[in-house]
Protein backbone atom coordinates (compact mmCIF):
# COMPACT_ATOMS: atom_id res chain seq x y z
CA UNK A 1 -0.03 -0.07 0.09
CA UNK A 2 1.23 3.58 -0.56
CA UNK A 3 3.34 5.09 2.37
CA UNK A 4 1.81 8.47 3.51
CA UNK A 5 2.71 11.66 1.04
CA UNK A 6 4.90 13.76 2.35
CA UNK A 7 3.72 16.95 0.01
CA UNK A 8 0.22 16.10 2.11
CA UNK A 9 1.80 15.74 5.40
CA UNK A 10 4.17 19.15 4.55
CA UNK A 11 1.17 20.92 3.48
CA UNK A 12 -1.25 19.95 6.56
CA UNK A 13 2.00 21.08 9.08
CA UNK A 14 2.29 24.23 7.45
CA UNK A 15 -1.49 25.22 7.73
CA UNK A 16 -1.54 24.28 11.26
CA UNK A 17 1.69 26.58 11.83
CA UNK A 18 -0.11 29.76 9.63
CA UNK A 19 -3.39 29.54 11.36
CA UNK A 20 -4.19 30.86 14.42
CA UNK A 21 -6.59 29.13 17.07
CA UNK A 22 -9.68 29.73 16.21
CA UNK A 23 -12.28 28.53 18.88
CA UNK A 24 -15.11 30.22 20.78
CA UNK A 25 -17.78 29.55 23.56
CA UNK A 26 -20.11 26.90 22.80
CA UNK A 27 -23.14 27.32 22.79
CA UNK A 28 -22.07 30.96 21.84
CA UNK A 29 -21.86 33.96 24.29
CA UNK A 30 -25.39 35.33 25.21
CA UNK A 31 -27.12 32.12 23.99
CA UNK A 32 -28.07 29.03 25.86
CA UNK A 33 -28.72 26.00 24.69
CA UNK A 34 -32.28 26.22 25.63
CA UNK A 35 -32.43 29.63 23.14
CA UNK A 36 -30.80 27.77 20.45
CA UNK A 37 -33.35 25.22 20.29
CA UNK A 38 -36.30 27.58 20.23
CA UNK A 39 -34.25 29.22 17.21
CA UNK A 40 -33.94 25.94 15.39
CA UNK A 41 -37.82 25.47 15.77
CA UNK A 42 -38.58 28.43 14.37
CA UNK A 43 -36.74 27.40 11.35
CA UNK A 44 -33.59 29.78 12.39
CA UNK A 45 -35.49 32.85 11.40
CA UNK A 46 -33.52 36.19 12.98
CA UNK A 47 -35.17 39.49 11.31
CA UNK A 48 -31.95 40.91 12.76
CA UNK A 49 -29.46 40.15 9.91
CA UNK A 50 -26.45 41.57 12.17
CA UNK A 51 -27.44 39.26 14.74
CA UNK A 52 -27.52 36.21 12.43
CA UNK A 53 -24.09 36.89 10.75
CA UNK A 54 -22.67 37.29 14.40
CA UNK A 55 -23.98 34.36 15.52
CA UNK A 56 -23.15 32.38 12.19
CA UNK A 57 -19.61 33.14 12.45
CA UNK A 58 -19.40 32.30 15.95
CA UNK A 59 -20.58 29.15 15.23
CA UNK A 60 -17.77 28.01 13.23
CA UNK A 61 -15.95 27.83 16.53
CA UNK A 62 -18.85 25.14 17.50
CA UNK A 63 -18.08 22.65 14.84
CA UNK A 64 -15.74 20.35 17.03
CA UNK A 65 -18.62 20.31 20.23
CA UNK A 66 -18.82 16.66 21.35
CA UNK A 67 -22.60 17.26 21.90
CA UNK A 68 -24.62 16.30 18.69
CA UNK A 69 -27.73 18.73 20.01
CA UNK A 70 -25.48 21.60 19.10
CA UNK A 71 -23.12 20.72 16.70
CA UNK A 72 -25.29 18.49 14.30
CA UNK A 73 -28.80 19.73 15.16
CA UNK A 74 -27.93 23.58 15.73
CA UNK A 75 -24.66 24.28 14.09
CA UNK A 76 -24.72 22.67 11.32
CA UNK A 77 -28.58 23.28 10.48
CA UNK A 78 -28.41 26.54 11.32
CA UNK A 79 -25.80 27.23 8.91
CA UNK A 80 -27.20 25.32 6.19
CA UNK A 81 -30.60 27.32 6.60
CA UNK A 82 -29.19 30.69 6.02
CA UNK A 83 -26.67 29.69 3.32
CA UNK A 84 -29.60 28.13 1.45
CA UNK A 85 -32.12 31.03 1.80
CA UNK A 86 -29.15 33.23 0.81
CA UNK A 87 -29.13 34.69 4.01
CA UNK A 88 -25.26 35.24 4.28
CA UNK A 89 -23.65 37.91 2.28
CA UNK A 90 -20.35 36.91 0.53
CA UNK A 91 -18.23 38.92 3.13
CA UNK A 92 -19.56 36.85 6.09
CA UNK A 93 -19.45 33.45 3.75
CA UNK A 94 -15.72 34.14 3.08
CA UNK A 95 -15.08 35.00 6.86
CA UNK A 96 -17.02 31.83 7.80
CA UNK A 97 -15.00 29.83 5.09
CA UNK A 98 -11.56 31.19 6.49
CA UNK A 99 -12.35 30.29 9.93
CA UNK A 100 -13.37 26.96 8.93
CA UNK A 101 -10.49 26.38 7.31
CA UNK A 102 -8.23 27.54 10.00
CA UNK A 103 -10.36 24.71 12.08
CA UNK A 104 -9.42 21.97 9.50
CA UNK A 105 -5.36 23.19 10.21
CA UNK A 106 -5.84 22.57 14.23
CA UNK A 107 -5.48 19.31 15.78
CA UNK A 108 -8.82 17.51 15.91
CA UNK A 109 -8.67 14.75 19.26
CA UNK A 110 -11.91 14.25 19.82
CA UNK A 111 -12.80 13.34 15.38
CA UNK A 112 -15.77 15.94 15.37
CA UNK A 113 -14.62 19.72 14.23
CA UNK A 114 -12.84 18.23 11.11
CA UNK A 115 -16.09 16.22 9.45
CA UNK A 116 -18.36 19.15 10.52
CA UNK A 117 -15.91 21.66 9.35
CA UNK A 118 -15.71 19.86 5.86
CA UNK A 119 -19.81 19.50 6.10
CA UNK A 120 -20.01 23.20 6.50
CA UNK A 121 -17.67 24.04 3.68
CA UNK A 122 -19.78 22.01 1.61
CA UNK A 123 -22.70 24.43 1.83
CA UNK A 124 -19.93 27.34 1.51
CA UNK A 125 -19.12 25.87 -1.95
CA UNK A 126 -22.76 25.38 -2.83
CA UNK A 127 -23.54 28.90 -2.27
CA UNK A 128 -20.54 30.05 -4.90
CA UNK A 129 -22.15 27.43 -7.16
CA UNK A 130 -25.40 28.94 -6.97
CA UNK A 131 -24.33 32.11 -6.88
CA UNK A 132 -20.93 32.42 -7.66
CA UNK A 133 -18.84 35.00 -5.69
CA UNK A 134 -15.44 33.62 -5.08
CA UNK A 135 -12.50 34.51 -7.65
CA UNK A 136 -10.90 31.73 -9.49
CA UNK A 137 -7.81 31.80 -7.30
CA UNK A 138 -9.68 31.55 -4.03
CA UNK A 139 -12.31 28.58 -5.77
CA UNK A 140 -8.59 26.94 -6.68
CA UNK A 141 -7.58 26.85 -3.13
CA UNK A 142 -10.81 25.37 -2.16
CA UNK A 143 -10.46 22.16 -4.24
CA UNK A 144 -7.14 22.13 -3.02
CA UNK A 145 -7.90 22.28 0.61
CA UNK A 146 -11.28 20.00 -0.16
CA UNK A 147 -9.15 17.24 -1.83
CA UNK A 148 -6.09 17.67 0.93
CA UNK A 149 -8.63 17.20 3.36
CA UNK A 150 -10.70 13.96 1.88
CA UNK A 151 -7.35 12.20 1.03
CA UNK A 152 -6.16 13.04 4.90
CA UNK A 153 -9.16 10.95 6.65
CA UNK A 154 -7.60 8.40 8.83
CA UNK A 155 -10.58 8.53 11.41
CA UNK A 156 -13.08 6.38 10.00
CA UNK A 157 -15.89 6.33 12.51
CA UNK A 158 -19.00 6.86 11.84
CA UNK A 159 -22.30 7.10 13.68
CA UNK A 160 -22.17 6.71 17.82
CA UNK A 161 -25.21 6.22 20.08
CA UNK A 162 -23.62 8.54 22.72
CA UNK A 163 -22.29 11.29 20.65
CA UNK A 164 -23.86 11.28 16.98
CA UNK A 165 -21.90 11.56 13.67
CA UNK A 166 -18.50 11.87 13.08
CA UNK A 167 -18.69 10.90 9.00
CA UNK A 168 -14.95 12.12 7.90
CA UNK A 169 -15.20 10.50 4.55
CA UNK A 170 -18.90 11.03 3.60
CA UNK A 171 -18.71 14.57 4.45
CA UNK A 172 -15.43 15.56 2.98
CA UNK A 173 -17.42 13.58 -0.43
CA UNK A 174 -20.23 16.01 0.29
CA UNK A 175 -17.99 18.86 0.02
CA UNK A 176 -16.44 17.29 -3.15
CA UNK A 177 -19.57 16.90 -4.49
CA UNK A 178 -20.82 20.66 -4.53
CA UNK A 179 -17.54 21.53 -6.19
CA UNK A 180 -18.18 18.94 -9.06
CA UNK A 181 -21.49 20.42 -9.79
CA UNK A 182 -19.70 23.81 -10.06
CA UNK A 183 -19.37 24.64 -14.00
CA UNK A 184 -16.66 27.12 -12.66
CA UNK A 185 -14.53 23.94 -12.21
CA UNK A 186 -11.78 22.95 -14.94
CA UNK A 187 -10.64 20.03 -16.23
CA UNK A 188 -7.42 19.56 -14.17
CA UNK A 189 -9.87 20.20 -10.79
CA UNK A 190 -12.26 17.93 -11.71
CA UNK A 191 -9.37 15.01 -12.01
CA UNK A 192 -8.30 16.45 -8.89
CA UNK A 193 -11.66 15.65 -7.44
CA UNK A 194 -11.37 11.94 -9.04
CA UNK A 195 -8.09 11.14 -7.37
CA UNK A 196 -8.92 12.07 -4.26
CA UNK A 197 -12.23 9.81 -4.72
CA UNK A 198 -10.15 7.03 -5.73
CA UNK A 199 -7.73 7.33 -2.53
CA UNK A 200 -10.87 6.87 -0.05
CA UNK A 201 -12.73 4.54 -2.49
CA UNK A 202 -10.48 1.41 -1.08
CA UNK A 203 -9.22 3.33 1.78
CA UNK A 204 -5.16 2.07 3.16
CA UNK A 205 -6.70 1.39 6.56
CA UNK A 206 -8.53 -1.57 5.62
CA UNK A 207 -11.74 -0.66 7.13
CA UNK A 208 -15.26 -1.94 5.92
CA UNK A 209 -17.34 0.97 5.42
CA UNK A 210 -20.64 0.48 7.23
CA UNK A 211 -22.69 4.05 6.81
CA UNK A 212 -23.13 4.90 3.59
CA UNK A 213 -19.76 6.11 2.05
CA UNK A 214 -19.45 4.32 -0.87
CA UNK A 215 -22.64 6.23 -2.16
CA UNK A 216 -21.64 9.67 -1.13
CA UNK A 217 -18.10 8.90 -3.25
CA UNK A 218 -19.49 7.94 -6.00
CA UNK A 219 -21.71 10.92 -6.30
CA UNK A 220 -19.09 13.52 -7.00
CA UNK A 221 -17.58 11.07 -9.52
CA UNK A 222 -20.53 10.58 -11.34
CA UNK A 223 -20.86 14.31 -11.65
CA UNK A 224 -17.16 14.58 -12.65
CA UNK A 225 -18.05 12.24 -15.47
CA UNK A 226 -20.92 14.25 -16.60
CA UNK A 227 -18.21 16.82 -17.48
CA UNK A 228 -16.79 14.84 -20.35
CA UNK A 229 -13.11 14.76 -18.06
CA UNK A 230 -12.42 11.12 -19.41
CA UNK A 231 -13.31 9.19 -22.50
CA UNK A 232 -14.52 5.45 -22.19
CA UNK A 233 -10.74 4.26 -22.75
CA UNK A 234 -9.41 6.77 -19.85
CA UNK A 235 -11.95 5.77 -17.23
CA UNK A 236 -11.38 2.05 -17.64
CA UNK A 237 -8.36 2.74 -16.87
CA UNK A 238 -8.76 4.69 -14.03
CA UNK A 239 -11.32 1.98 -12.33
CA UNK A 240 -8.69 -0.69 -13.54
CA UNK A 241 -6.19 1.09 -10.69
CA UNK A 242 -8.40 0.64 -7.96
CA UNK A 243 -7.57 -3.20 -8.00
CA UNK A 244 -3.97 -3.00 -7.04
CA UNK A 245 -4.86 -0.81 -3.87
CA UNK A 246 -6.28 -4.15 -2.44
CA UNK A 247 -2.96 -5.55 -1.25
CA UNK A 248 -0.89 -8.39 -1.62
CA UNK A 249 -2.42 -10.57 -3.86
CA UNK A 250 -1.07 -13.35 -1.39
CA UNK A 251 -3.34 -12.48 1.63
CA UNK A 252 -6.78 -12.80 -1.04
CA UNK A 253 -9.05 -13.93 1.14
CA UNK A 254 -6.77 -14.58 4.05
CA UNK A 255 -6.60 -11.15 5.82
CA UNK A 256 -9.17 -8.94 7.30
CA UNK A 257 -7.72 -5.79 6.06
CA UNK A 258 -7.80 -7.19 2.46
CA UNK A 259 -11.29 -8.33 2.60
CA UNK A 260 -12.51 -5.14 4.32
CA UNK A 261 -10.77 -3.23 1.02
CA UNK A 262 -12.80 -5.37 -1.45
CA UNK A 263 -15.96 -4.69 0.22
CA UNK A 264 -15.29 -1.13 -0.19
CA UNK A 265 -13.79 -1.79 -3.75
CA UNK A 266 -17.36 -3.60 -4.57
CA UNK A 267 -19.48 -1.27 -2.99
CA UNK A 268 -17.76 1.57 -4.65
CA UNK A 269 -17.85 0.32 -8.28
CA UNK A 270 -21.74 -0.97 -7.60
CA UNK A 271 -22.57 2.27 -6.63
CA UNK A 272 -21.20 4.23 -9.56
CA UNK A 273 -22.94 1.84 -11.74
CA UNK A 274 -26.31 2.21 -10.47
CA UNK A 275 -25.86 6.13 -11.02
CA UNK A 276 -24.34 6.06 -14.54
CA UNK A 277 -26.87 3.17 -15.60
CA UNK A 278 -29.69 5.34 -14.71
CA UNK A 279 -28.05 8.31 -16.77
CA UNK A 280 -29.10 9.14 -20.40
CA UNK A 281 -25.80 11.23 -20.50
CA UNK A 282 -23.33 9.40 -22.55
CA UNK A 283 -20.48 10.89 -20.75
CA UNK A 284 -21.77 9.40 -17.82
CA UNK A 285 -22.67 5.99 -19.30
CA UNK A 286 -18.80 5.95 -20.42
CA UNK A 287 -18.20 4.75 -17.26
CA UNK A 288 -19.69 1.66 -17.34
CA UNK A 289 -17.18 -0.43 -19.22
CA UNK A 290 -14.82 0.27 -16.64
CA UNK A 291 -16.64 -0.43 -13.71
CA UNK A 292 -18.10 -3.71 -15.28
CA UNK A 293 -14.59 -4.77 -16.21
CA UNK A 294 -12.99 -3.81 -12.59
CA UNK A 295 -16.10 -5.83 -11.07
CA UNK A 296 -15.51 -8.89 -13.60
CA UNK A 297 -11.35 -8.57 -12.33
CA UNK A 298 -11.87 -8.82 -8.90
CA UNK A 299 -10.54 -11.77 -6.99
């Protein structure tokens, strides 16, 4: 299996030193959990735009809160509601984005902050797709940040009955999904998304996905295919390159990690097949021969 990528490790270390520490009180100052629950019940309606902007930025410091009632039920849902209604101006979105980038550059010992920063960043990416506000350079940086994040995930925990979701791979895939839908991305950027997906479709760790990760990874890949970034032959070669990630052939059917990788690869290929088979777009259907060939070639 491939060793940890030195350029990736160097980039993450550089970002960690460059980013100032950012974390705020959670719940944010002046708010109780009960008040935030009431805000949620009102569908996060705040008529005072200044109060909403301030709270949105303070929420960025709470993406790593261990309480799923706050982290997932209020922070993520509130930010998503405001962004999907177009209630956060570009200057607020830019500050929110940069604070979330900072969270991704800081340690995350509990494993909540990185996945939820990525999930909120998927919503930030969606706002730029719906009504562009980023510069080409900012968008290129986001592609780099998103692919670096997905490639770096090594915490494969999903749902826990006591603390809720982590879901690092799926949330990273959601971020790539919104980017893959953005017509402003060019071919090389879409290729970068596909390469990051390949790394987690068959993770080195040998963990069996049970939280829907293959389906989430398949979605941005199919969207990249819809842009025509590869022809049938190139997609066939791309899918054929996944099988060697299973590891030493001598371990086939004799090693739990090998079996987990095979499980993940089959699930990913089947998810892509289902998505592509339902499409009438010939560019999407160009992946099908490669998917079928990869499935047939599996040990």
